[in-house]
Amino acid sequence: MRILVIGDFHIPNREKTIPSQILEKIQNTQFDLILCTGDLTNPEIFNQLESLGPVRNVIGNMDYYFGNRNFPRFEVIKLDNYELGLIHGTGIRPRGNPEQISKIANEMNVDILISGHTHLQSARMFNDKLLLNPGSATGSWGGGPSTGVPSFQILEKVNDELRITNIALKSGRLSSHINIYNLKSKKFV
């Protein structure tokens, strides 16, 4: 199973488009599922994502201002025998606070929680929870620890391992870093 994890577009209010290198990469990859952390701010972005595969999207804080209010605040997604959570991350202070995010993971009863809002890509363990953040697909400014680097993640589940490919656009080129997470032992390999 291959999953695209993406979010924080902020088109057209902060950025004009998804960078062509990112758009080409995601359009040329087959996905079984797309998980979006919100802040589309433009309904056409959701349509673009739907053209790539089934989409589960949560509402971002900026979606309220642009009329995208039909998305849920959180989702729980079944991944074979495992469940992962999807939130935007609004209301977490400071932004991306791993203690608060792991607490939300506990409340949602998930071992993996995907969040956005920081615009900073990450894959880390905290309090026995795997916390993922795809960053911003456009590299948009985010009001917090954002780097301005466009990024997203691809998750691939093979047996009891989750391969997390962190992809970022740096100096006009896509670069990637891979983490392998063992779902049974709940640790990075």
N, C-alpha and C. Protein backbone atom coordinates (compact mmCIF):
# COMPACT_ATOMS: atom_id res chain seq x y z
N MET A 1 0.84 -1.18 0.00
CA MET A 1 0.00 0.00 0.00
C MET A 1 0.89 1.24 0.00
N ARG A 2 0.59 2.18 -0.89
CA ARG A 2 1.36 3.43 -1.00
C ARG A 2 0.43 4.60 -0.70
N ILE A 3 0.86 5.46 0.24
CA ILE A 3 0.03 6.57 0.70
C ILE A 3 0.80 7.88 0.53
N LEU A 4 0.15 8.86 -0.10
CA LEU A 4 0.68 10.21 -0.18
C LEU A 4 0.21 10.98 1.04
N VAL A 5 1.14 11.62 1.75
CA VAL A 5 0.82 12.46 2.90
C VAL A 5 1.27 13.88 2.53
N ILE A 6 0.31 14.80 2.52
CA ILE A 6 0.57 16.13 1.97
C ILE A 6 -0.36 17.14 2.62
N GLY A 7 -0.01 18.41 2.58
CA GLY A 7 -0.91 19.43 3.13
C GLY A 7 -0.30 20.82 3.13
N ASP A 8 -1.00 21.73 3.77
CA ASP A 8 -0.58 23.13 3.93
C ASP A 8 -0.17 23.77 2.60
N PHE A 9 -1.13 23.83 1.69
CA PHE A 9 -0.90 24.39 0.36
C PHE A 9 -0.95 25.92 0.36
N HIS A 10 -2.00 26.48 0.97
CA HIS A 10 -2.20 27.94 1.05
C HIS A 10 -2.18 28.59 -0.34
N ILE A 11 -2.91 27.98 -1.27
CA ILE A 11 -3.03 28.52 -2.63
C ILE A 11 -4.42 29.14 -2.76
N PRO A 12 -4.61 30.31 -3.25
CA PRO A 12 -3.65 31.26 -3.82
C PRO A 12 -3.25 32.38 -2.87
N ASN A 13 -3.64 32.30 -1.59
CA ASN A 13 -3.41 33.44 -0.71
C ASN A 13 -1.94 33.66 -0.34
N ARG A 14 -1.14 32.57 -0.24
CA ARG A 14 0.29 32.72 0.09
C ARG A 14 1.20 32.25 -1.04
N GLU A 15 0.76 31.24 -1.77
CA GLU A 15 1.55 30.69 -2.89
C GLU A 15 0.65 30.59 -4.11
N LYS A 16 1.24 30.68 -5.29
CA LYS A 16 0.45 30.63 -6.53
C LYS A 16 0.11 29.22 -6.96
N THR A 17 1.10 28.32 -6.86
CA THR A 17 0.91 26.95 -7.35
C THR A 17 1.76 25.97 -6.53
N ILE A 18 1.48 24.70 -6.75
CA ILE A 18 2.35 23.64 -6.24
C ILE A 18 3.59 23.65 -7.14
N PRO A 19 4.79 23.63 -6.59
CA PRO A 19 5.98 23.60 -7.44
C PRO A 19 5.91 22.46 -8.46
N SER A 20 6.35 22.74 -9.68
CA SER A 20 6.22 21.77 -10.79
C SER A 20 6.92 20.45 -10.48
N GLN A 21 8.05 20.49 -9.78
CA GLN A 21 8.78 19.26 -9.47
C GLN A 21 7.95 18.35 -8.55
N ILE A 22 7.27 18.96 -7.59
CA ILE A 22 6.43 18.18 -6.66
C ILE A 22 5.20 17.67 -7.40
N LEU A 23 4.58 18.53 -8.17
CA LEU A 23 3.39 18.13 -8.92
C LEU A 23 3.71 16.97 -9.86
N GLU A 24 4.84 17.04 -10.55
CA GLU A 24 5.24 15.96 -11.46
C GLU A 24 5.47 14.65 -10.71
N LYS A 25 6.13 14.73 -9.57
CA LYS A 25 6.41 13.53 -8.78
C LYS A 25 5.12 12.86 -8.31
N ILE A 26 4.18 13.64 -7.77
CA ILE A 26 2.96 13.01 -7.25
C ILE A 26 2.03 12.57 -8.38
N GLN A 27 2.07 13.25 -9.51
CA GLN A 27 1.22 12.83 -10.63
C GLN A 27 1.75 11.57 -11.31
N ASN A 28 3.04 11.32 -11.19
CA ASN A 28 3.66 10.15 -11.82
C ASN A 28 3.85 8.97 -10.88
N THR A 29 3.20 9.03 -9.72
CA THR A 29 3.26 7.95 -8.74
C THR A 29 1.84 7.47 -8.48
N GLN A 30 1.66 6.17 -8.41
CA GLN A 30 0.33 5.63 -8.11
C GLN A 30 0.16 5.52 -6.60
N PHE A 31 -0.96 6.05 -6.10
CA PHE A 31 -1.24 6.02 -4.68
C PHE A 31 -2.54 5.26 -4.42
N ASP A 32 -2.53 4.47 -3.35
CA ASP A 32 -3.74 3.78 -2.91
C ASP A 32 -4.61 4.69 -2.06
N LEU A 33 -3.98 5.71 -1.46
CA LEU A 33 -4.68 6.62 -0.56
C LEU A 33 -3.89 7.92 -0.46
N ILE A 34 -4.62 9.02 -0.29
CA ILE A 34 -4.00 10.32 -0.08
C ILE A 34 -4.52 10.87 1.24
N LEU A 35 -3.60 11.24 2.13
CA LEU A 35 -3.96 11.84 3.41
C LEU A 35 -3.50 13.29 3.39
N CYS A 36 -4.45 14.20 3.59
CA CYS A 36 -4.15 15.63 3.52
C CYS A 36 -4.41 16.28 4.87
N THR A 37 -3.42 17.02 5.36
CA THR A 37 -3.49 17.67 6.66
C THR A 37 -4.25 19.00 6.63
N GLY A 38 -4.84 19.36 5.50
CA GLY A 38 -5.66 20.56 5.43
C GLY A 38 -4.91 21.79 4.93
N ASP A 39 -5.56 22.95 5.11
CA ASP A 39 -5.11 24.23 4.59
C ASP A 39 -4.90 24.18 3.08
N LEU A 40 -5.92 23.64 2.41
CA LEU A 40 -5.96 23.67 0.95
C LEU A 40 -6.19 25.12 0.50
N THR A 41 -7.13 25.76 1.14
CA THR A 41 -7.61 27.13 0.90
C THR A 41 -8.17 27.35 -0.51
N ASN A 42 -8.12 26.34 -1.33
CA ASN A 42 -8.66 26.42 -2.68
C ASN A 42 -9.27 25.06 -3.02
N PRO A 43 -10.59 25.01 -3.28
CA PRO A 43 -11.24 23.72 -3.57
C PRO A 43 -10.64 22.98 -4.76
N GLU A 44 -10.03 23.69 -5.69
CA GLU A 44 -9.43 23.04 -6.85
C GLU A 44 -8.28 22.11 -6.45
N ILE A 45 -7.60 22.41 -5.35
CA ILE A 45 -6.50 21.55 -4.88
C ILE A 45 -7.06 20.19 -4.47
N PHE A 46 -8.21 20.20 -3.80
CA PHE A 46 -8.84 18.93 -3.41
C PHE A 46 -9.17 18.12 -4.67
N ASN A 47 -9.68 18.77 -5.70
CA ASN A 47 -9.99 18.07 -6.96
C ASN A 47 -8.73 17.48 -7.59
N GLN A 48 -7.62 18.21 -7.51
CA GLN A 48 -6.35 17.69 -8.04
C GLN A 48 -5.94 16.45 -7.28
N LEU A 49 -6.08 16.48 -5.95
CA LEU A 49 -5.71 15.33 -5.15
C LEU A 49 -6.60 14.14 -5.46
N GLU A 50 -7.91 14.40 -5.62
CA GLU A 50 -8.85 13.31 -5.94
C GLU A 50 -8.52 12.63 -7.26
N SER A 51 -7.90 13.36 -8.18
CA SER A 51 -7.53 12.76 -9.47
C SER A 51 -6.39 11.75 -9.31
N LEU A 52 -5.71 11.79 -8.14
CA LEU A 52 -4.58 10.88 -7.89
C LEU A 52 -4.98 9.63 -7.12
N GLY A 53 -6.15 9.66 -6.46
CA GLY A 53 -6.60 8.52 -5.67
C GLY A 53 -7.59 8.96 -4.61
N PRO A 54 -8.09 8.01 -3.81
CA PRO A 54 -9.03 8.36 -2.74
C PRO A 54 -8.37 9.28 -1.71
N VAL A 55 -9.08 10.31 -1.29
CA VAL A 55 -8.54 11.32 -0.39
C VAL A 55 -9.26 11.32 0.94
N ARG A 56 -8.48 11.39 2.02
CA ARG A 56 -9.01 11.67 3.36
C ARG A 56 -8.37 12.99 3.75
N ASN A 57 -9.18 13.98 4.04
CA ASN A 57 -8.70 15.33 4.30
C ASN A 57 -9.31 15.85 5.58
N VAL A 58 -8.52 16.56 6.37
CA VAL A 58 -9.06 17.23 7.55
C VAL A 58 -9.01 18.74 7.30
N ILE A 59 -9.83 19.46 8.05
CA ILE A 59 -9.90 20.90 7.87
C ILE A 59 -8.73 21.59 8.57
N GLY A 60 -8.14 22.53 7.87
CA GLY A 60 -7.08 23.35 8.46
C GLY A 60 -7.66 24.67 8.93
N ASN A 61 -6.94 25.37 9.79
CA ASN A 61 -7.44 26.63 10.33
C ASN A 61 -7.73 27.66 9.24
N MET A 62 -6.94 27.68 8.17
CA MET A 62 -7.15 28.66 7.10
C MET A 62 -8.27 28.25 6.14
N ASP A 63 -8.65 26.97 6.15
CA ASP A 63 -9.75 26.53 5.29
C ASP A 63 -11.06 27.22 5.68
N TYR A 64 -11.22 27.54 6.96
CA TYR A 64 -12.43 28.23 7.41
C TYR A 64 -12.62 29.54 6.67
N TYR A 65 -11.53 30.27 6.45
CA TYR A 65 -11.62 31.59 5.83
C TYR A 65 -11.94 31.52 4.34
N PHE A 66 -11.69 30.37 3.74
CA PHE A 66 -11.88 30.26 2.30
C PHE A 66 -13.03 29.33 1.92
N GLY A 67 -13.92 29.05 2.88
CA GLY A 67 -15.15 28.33 2.59
C GLY A 67 -15.05 26.83 2.49
N ASN A 68 -13.90 26.24 2.84
CA ASN A 68 -13.74 24.78 2.79
C ASN A 68 -14.09 24.20 4.16
N ARG A 69 -15.35 24.26 4.54
CA ARG A 69 -15.73 23.88 5.90
C ARG A 69 -16.36 22.50 6.00
N ASN A 70 -16.35 21.74 4.94
CA ASN A 70 -17.03 20.45 4.93
C ASN A 70 -16.14 19.28 5.35
N PHE A 71 -14.91 19.54 5.71
CA PHE A 71 -14.00 18.47 6.09
C PHE A 71 -14.05 18.25 7.60
N PRO A 72 -13.78 17.03 8.07
CA PRO A 72 -13.78 16.76 9.51
C PRO A 72 -12.54 17.35 10.18
N ARG A 73 -12.58 17.48 11.51
CA ARG A 73 -11.44 17.98 12.27
C ARG A 73 -10.38 16.91 12.45
N PHE A 74 -10.79 15.64 12.46
CA PHE A 74 -9.83 14.54 12.58
C PHE A 74 -10.37 13.32 11.86
N GLU A 75 -9.47 12.42 11.55
CA GLU A 75 -9.81 11.15 10.89
C GLU A 75 -8.99 10.04 11.55
N VAL A 76 -9.56 8.85 11.60
CA VAL A 76 -8.82 7.64 11.98
C VAL A 76 -8.88 6.72 10.77
N ILE A 77 -7.72 6.31 10.30
CA ILE A 77 -7.61 5.51 9.08
C ILE A 77 -7.07 4.14 9.45
N LYS A 78 -7.76 3.11 8.98
CA LYS A 78 -7.33 1.73 9.22
C LYS A 78 -6.32 1.36 8.14
N LEU A 79 -5.20 0.85 8.56
CA LEU A 79 -4.13 0.42 7.67
C LEU A 79 -3.84 -1.03 8.02
N ASP A 80 -4.57 -1.93 7.36
CA ASP A 80 -4.55 -3.35 7.70
C ASP A 80 -4.94 -3.51 9.17
N ASN A 81 -4.05 -4.02 10.02
CA ASN A 81 -4.36 -4.23 11.43
C ASN A 81 -3.98 -3.03 12.30
N TYR A 82 -3.60 -1.94 11.68
CA TYR A 82 -3.14 -0.77 12.41
C TYR A 82 -4.05 0.41 12.10
N GLU A 83 -4.07 1.37 13.04
CA GLU A 83 -4.84 2.59 12.82
C GLU A 83 -3.93 3.79 12.98
N LEU A 84 -4.14 4.76 12.12
CA LEU A 84 -3.38 6.00 12.25
C LEU A 84 -4.35 7.16 12.26
N GLY A 85 -3.94 8.23 12.90
CA GLY A 85 -4.78 9.41 13.03
C GLY A 85 -4.29 10.51 12.12
N LEU A 86 -5.22 11.39 11.76
CA LEU A 86 -4.93 12.53 10.89
C LEU A 86 -5.60 13.76 11.48
N ILE A 87 -4.79 14.79 11.76
CA ILE A 87 -5.30 16.07 12.26
C ILE A 87 -4.57 17.19 11.53
N HIS A 88 -5.06 18.42 11.69
CA HIS A 88 -4.32 19.55 11.14
C HIS A 88 -3.24 20.00 12.12
N GLY A 89 -3.62 20.20 13.37
CA GLY A 89 -2.66 20.65 14.38
C GLY A 89 -2.98 22.03 14.94
N THR A 90 -4.13 22.58 14.55
CA THR A 90 -4.55 23.86 15.08
C THR A 90 -4.74 23.77 16.59
N GLY A 91 -4.35 24.79 17.31
CA GLY A 91 -4.57 24.84 18.75
C GLY A 91 -3.45 24.24 19.57
N ILE A 92 -2.45 23.65 18.94
CA ILE A 92 -1.31 23.10 19.67
C ILE A 92 -0.30 24.22 19.86
N ARG A 93 0.05 24.46 21.13
CA ARG A 93 0.97 25.55 21.46
C ARG A 93 2.16 25.02 22.23
N PRO A 94 3.38 25.36 21.88
CA PRO A 94 3.70 25.98 20.61
C PRO A 94 3.41 25.02 19.46
N ARG A 95 3.36 25.57 18.27
CA ARG A 95 3.04 24.74 17.10
C ARG A 95 3.93 23.51 17.06
N GLY A 96 3.29 22.36 16.82
CA GLY A 96 4.04 21.12 16.67
C GLY A 96 4.52 20.50 17.98
N ASN A 97 4.07 20.98 19.12
CA ASN A 97 4.50 20.48 20.42
C ASN A 97 4.27 18.96 20.49
N PRO A 98 5.36 18.18 20.52
CA PRO A 98 5.20 16.71 20.47
C PRO A 98 4.47 16.14 21.68
N GLU A 99 4.59 16.78 22.82
CA GLU A 99 3.88 16.28 24.00
C GLU A 99 2.37 16.36 23.80
N GLN A 100 1.90 17.49 23.29
CA GLN A 100 0.47 17.63 23.03
C GLN A 100 0.00 16.72 21.90
N ILE A 101 0.82 16.59 20.86
CA ILE A 101 0.44 15.73 19.74
C ILE A 101 0.35 14.27 20.18
N SER A 102 1.31 13.82 21.00
CA SER A 102 1.25 12.43 21.48
C SER A 102 0.04 12.23 22.40
N LYS A 103 -0.34 13.26 23.14
CA LYS A 103 -1.54 13.18 23.98
C LYS A 103 -2.79 13.02 23.10
N ILE A 104 -2.83 13.75 22.00
CA ILE A 104 -3.96 13.61 21.06
C ILE A 104 -3.97 12.21 20.47
N ALA A 105 -2.79 11.66 20.15
CA ALA A 105 -2.69 10.28 19.64
C ALA A 105 -3.28 9.31 20.65
N ASN A 106 -2.98 9.52 21.93
CA ASN A 106 -3.55 8.67 22.99
C ASN A 106 -5.07 8.80 23.02
N GLU A 107 -5.57 10.02 22.95
CA GLU A 107 -7.02 10.25 22.97
C GLU A 107 -7.72 9.61 21.77
N MET A 108 -7.03 9.61 20.62
CA MET A 108 -7.58 9.01 19.40
C MET A 108 -7.36 7.50 19.37
N ASN A 109 -6.57 6.99 20.32
CA ASN A 109 -6.23 5.57 20.40
C ASN A 109 -5.51 5.08 19.14
N VAL A 110 -4.52 5.88 18.70
CA VAL A 110 -3.70 5.51 17.53
C VAL A 110 -2.23 5.53 17.94
N ASP A 111 -1.43 4.73 17.27
CA ASP A 111 0.01 4.71 17.53
C ASP A 111 0.78 5.61 16.59
N ILE A 112 0.12 6.01 15.49
CA ILE A 112 0.73 6.90 14.51
C ILE A 112 -0.21 8.08 14.33
N LEU A 113 0.33 9.30 14.43
CA LEU A 113 -0.50 10.49 14.22
C LEU A 113 0.18 11.40 13.22
N ILE A 114 -0.57 11.75 12.19
CA ILE A 114 -0.10 12.67 11.16
C ILE A 114 -0.74 14.02 11.43
N SER A 115 0.09 15.06 11.47
CA SER A 115 -0.41 16.41 11.66
C SER A 115 0.31 17.36 10.72
N GLY A 116 -0.24 18.54 10.56
CA GLY A 116 0.36 19.57 9.73
C GLY A 116 0.55 20.83 10.55
N HIS A 117 0.22 21.98 9.94
CA HIS A 117 0.16 23.29 10.58
C HIS A 117 1.52 23.93 10.82
N THR A 118 2.57 23.16 11.07
CA THR A 118 3.88 23.77 11.33
C THR A 118 4.61 24.13 10.04
N HIS A 119 4.27 23.46 8.94
CA HIS A 119 4.95 23.60 7.65
C HIS A 119 6.38 23.09 7.73
N LEU A 120 6.66 22.26 8.71
CA LEU A 120 7.99 21.71 8.93
C LEU A 120 7.91 20.18 8.89
N GLN A 121 8.55 19.59 7.91
CA GLN A 121 8.49 18.13 7.74
C GLN A 121 9.22 17.43 8.89
N SER A 122 8.61 16.33 9.37
CA SER A 122 9.26 15.56 10.43
C SER A 122 8.71 14.15 10.50
N ALA A 123 9.53 13.26 11.05
CA ALA A 123 9.14 11.87 11.36
C ALA A 123 9.90 11.53 12.63
N ARG A 124 9.18 11.41 13.75
CA ARG A 124 9.85 11.17 15.02
C ARG A 124 8.98 10.40 15.99
N MET A 125 9.65 9.80 16.96
CA MET A 125 8.97 9.10 18.05
C MET A 125 8.89 10.04 19.24
N PHE A 126 7.76 9.96 19.94
CA PHE A 126 7.60 10.70 21.19
C PHE A 126 6.59 9.96 22.04
N ASN A 127 6.97 9.59 23.26
CA ASN A 127 6.08 8.84 24.16
C ASN A 127 5.48 7.61 23.49
N ASP A 128 6.32 6.85 22.79
CA ASP A 128 5.90 5.63 22.10
C ASP A 128 4.89 5.86 20.98
N LYS A 129 4.81 7.07 20.46
CA LYS A 129 3.94 7.40 19.34
C LYS A 129 4.80 7.85 18.18
N LEU A 130 4.45 7.40 16.97
CA LEU A 130 5.11 7.87 15.77
C LEU A 130 4.36 9.11 15.31
N LEU A 131 5.07 10.23 15.25
CA LEU A 131 4.47 11.50 14.86
C LEU A 131 5.05 11.91 13.50
N LEU A 132 4.16 12.08 12.53
CA LEU A 132 4.57 12.45 11.18
C LEU A 132 3.99 13.80 10.81
N ASN A 133 4.76 14.57 10.04
CA ASN A 133 4.30 15.85 9.52
C ASN A 133 4.90 16.00 8.13
N PRO A 134 4.05 16.14 7.09
CA PRO A 134 4.58 16.24 5.74
C PRO A 134 5.20 17.59 5.40
N GLY A 135 5.02 18.59 6.26
CA GLY A 135 5.47 19.94 5.93
C GLY A 135 4.46 20.61 5.02
N SER A 136 4.90 21.59 4.28
CA SER A 136 4.03 22.33 3.35
C SER A 136 4.36 21.96 1.91
N ALA A 137 3.34 21.57 1.16
CA ALA A 137 3.55 21.17 -0.24
C ALA A 137 4.07 22.30 -1.10
N THR A 138 3.84 23.53 -0.67
CA THR A 138 4.29 24.69 -1.45
C THR A 138 5.46 25.42 -0.81
N GLY A 139 5.81 25.04 0.42
CA GLY A 139 6.87 25.75 1.15
C GLY A 139 6.39 27.06 1.72
N SER A 140 5.11 27.21 1.83
CA SER A 140 4.50 28.44 2.31
C SER A 140 4.95 28.80 3.72
N TRP A 141 5.03 30.08 3.99
CA TRP A 141 5.30 30.57 5.34
C TRP A 141 4.18 30.07 6.24
N GLY A 142 4.52 29.68 7.47
CA GLY A 142 3.51 29.09 8.33
C GLY A 142 3.34 29.72 9.69
N GLY A 143 4.03 30.80 9.99
CA GLY A 143 3.83 31.44 11.28
C GLY A 143 4.50 30.74 12.44
N GLY A 144 5.30 29.75 12.16
CA GLY A 144 5.97 29.00 13.23
C GLY A 144 7.35 28.59 12.77
N PRO A 145 7.72 27.33 13.00
CA PRO A 145 9.07 26.87 12.69
C PRO A 145 9.30 26.50 11.23
N SER A 146 8.45 26.95 10.32
CA SER A 146 8.55 26.54 8.92
C SER A 146 9.88 26.97 8.31
N THR A 147 10.31 26.21 7.29
CA THR A 147 11.61 26.46 6.65
C THR A 147 11.49 27.09 5.28
N GLY A 148 10.29 27.13 4.72
CA GLY A 148 10.12 27.62 3.35
C GLY A 148 10.47 26.57 2.31
N VAL A 149 10.71 25.35 2.74
CA VAL A 149 11.07 24.26 1.82
C VAL A 149 9.81 23.44 1.52
N PRO A 150 9.39 23.38 0.25
CA PRO A 150 8.23 22.55 -0.11
C PRO A 150 8.54 21.07 0.18
N SER A 151 7.55 20.36 0.75
CA SER A 151 7.80 18.97 1.11
C SER A 151 6.50 18.17 1.21
N PHE A 152 6.66 16.85 1.23
CA PHE A 152 5.57 15.90 1.43
C PHE A 152 6.18 14.56 1.82
N GLN A 153 5.33 13.58 2.11
CA GLN A 153 5.82 12.25 2.49
C GLN A 153 5.07 11.18 1.70
N ILE A 154 5.75 10.07 1.50
CA ILE A 154 5.12 8.87 0.93
C ILE A 154 5.33 7.74 1.93
N LEU A 155 4.22 7.10 2.30
CA LEU A 155 4.28 5.96 3.22
C LEU A 155 4.02 4.70 2.42
N GLU A 156 4.82 3.67 2.66
CA GLU A 156 4.62 2.38 2.02
C GLU A 156 4.66 1.30 3.10
N LYS A 157 3.57 0.57 3.21
CA LYS A 157 3.50 -0.51 4.20
C LYS A 157 3.85 -1.82 3.51
N VAL A 158 4.86 -2.47 4.04
CA VAL A 158 5.26 -3.79 3.55
C VAL A 158 5.38 -4.68 4.78
N ASN A 159 4.51 -5.69 4.84
CA ASN A 159 4.44 -6.58 6.00
C ASN A 159 4.25 -5.74 7.26
N ASP A 160 5.17 -5.83 8.22
CA ASP A 160 5.04 -5.08 9.47
C ASP A 160 5.95 -3.85 9.51
N GLU A 161 6.38 -3.39 8.34
CA GLU A 161 7.22 -2.20 8.30
C GLU A 161 6.54 -1.09 7.53
N LEU A 162 6.76 0.13 7.99
CA LEU A 162 6.26 1.32 7.33
C LEU A 162 7.47 2.11 6.85
N ARG A 163 7.58 2.22 5.54
CA ARG A 163 8.68 2.98 4.93
C ARG A 163 8.18 4.41 4.77
N ILE A 164 8.87 5.35 5.39
CA ILE A 164 8.50 6.76 5.34
C ILE A 164 9.52 7.48 4.48
N THR A 165 9.10 7.92 3.30
CA THR A 165 9.99 8.67 2.42
C THR A 165 9.64 10.14 2.57
N ASN A 166 10.58 10.90 3.11
CA ASN A 166 10.45 12.35 3.29
C ASN A 166 11.04 13.02 2.07
N ILE A 167 10.22 13.72 1.31
CA ILE A 167 10.68 14.34 0.06
C ILE A 167 10.58 15.85 0.20
N ALA A 168 11.65 16.54 -0.18
CA ALA A 168 11.70 18.00 -0.08
C ALA A 168 12.31 18.57 -1.35
N LEU A 169 11.90 19.79 -1.69
CA LEU A 169 12.41 20.49 -2.87
C LEU A 169 13.44 21.51 -2.39
N LYS A 170 14.71 21.20 -2.66
CA LYS A 170 15.80 22.08 -2.24
C LYS A 170 16.62 22.47 -3.45
N SER A 171 16.85 23.76 -3.63
CA SER A 171 17.64 24.28 -4.75
C SER A 171 17.14 23.76 -6.09
N GLY A 172 15.81 23.66 -6.23
CA GLY A 172 15.21 23.25 -7.49
C GLY A 172 15.23 21.75 -7.75
N ARG A 173 15.70 20.95 -6.79
CA ARG A 173 15.76 19.49 -6.96
C ARG A 173 15.07 18.79 -5.81
N LEU A 174 14.41 17.67 -6.14
CA LEU A 174 13.79 16.86 -5.10
C LEU A 174 14.85 16.01 -4.43
N SER A 175 14.84 16.01 -3.11
CA SER A 175 15.73 15.13 -2.36
C SER A 175 14.87 14.29 -1.44
N SER A 176 15.37 13.14 -1.06
CA SER A 176 14.56 12.28 -0.20
C SER A 176 15.41 11.65 0.90
N HIS A 177 14.74 11.39 1.98
CA HIS A 177 15.33 10.71 3.13
C HIS A 177 14.33 9.65 3.58
N ILE A 178 14.80 8.44 3.82
CA ILE A 178 13.90 7.33 4.17
C ILE A 178 14.10 6.91 5.61
N ASN A 179 12.98 6.74 6.32
CA ASN A 179 12.96 6.15 7.66
C ASN A 179 12.15 4.85 7.56
N ILE A 180 12.60 3.81 8.24
CA ILE A 180 11.84 2.56 8.31
C ILE A 180 11.36 2.40 9.74
N TYR A 181 10.05 2.22 9.89
CA TYR A 181 9.43 2.09 11.21
C TYR A 181 8.80 0.71 11.31
N ASN A 182 9.16 -0.04 12.35
CA ASN A 182 8.59 -1.36 12.56
C ASN A 182 7.28 -1.21 13.33
N LEU A 183 6.18 -1.61 12.72
CA LEU A 183 4.86 -1.43 13.32
C LEU A 183 4.65 -2.30 14.56
N LYS A 184 5.27 -3.47 14.60
CA LYS A 184 5.11 -4.36 15.77
C LYS A 184 5.91 -3.88 16.98
N SER A 185 7.19 -3.57 16.75
CA SER A 185 8.03 -3.14 17.87
C SER A 185 7.85 -1.66 18.18
N LYS A 186 7.21 -0.93 17.27
CA LYS A 186 6.97 0.51 17.41
C LYS A 186 8.27 1.29 17.58
N LYS A 187 9.24 0.94 16.70
CA LYS A 187 10.54 1.59 16.74
C LYS A 187 11.05 1.76 15.31
N PHE A 188 11.91 2.77 15.15
CA PHE A 188 12.61 2.92 13.88
C PHE A 188 13.63 1.81 13.76
N VAL A 189 13.80 1.27 12.56
CA VAL A 189 14.75 0.19 12.30
C VAL A 189 16.11 0.81 11.99
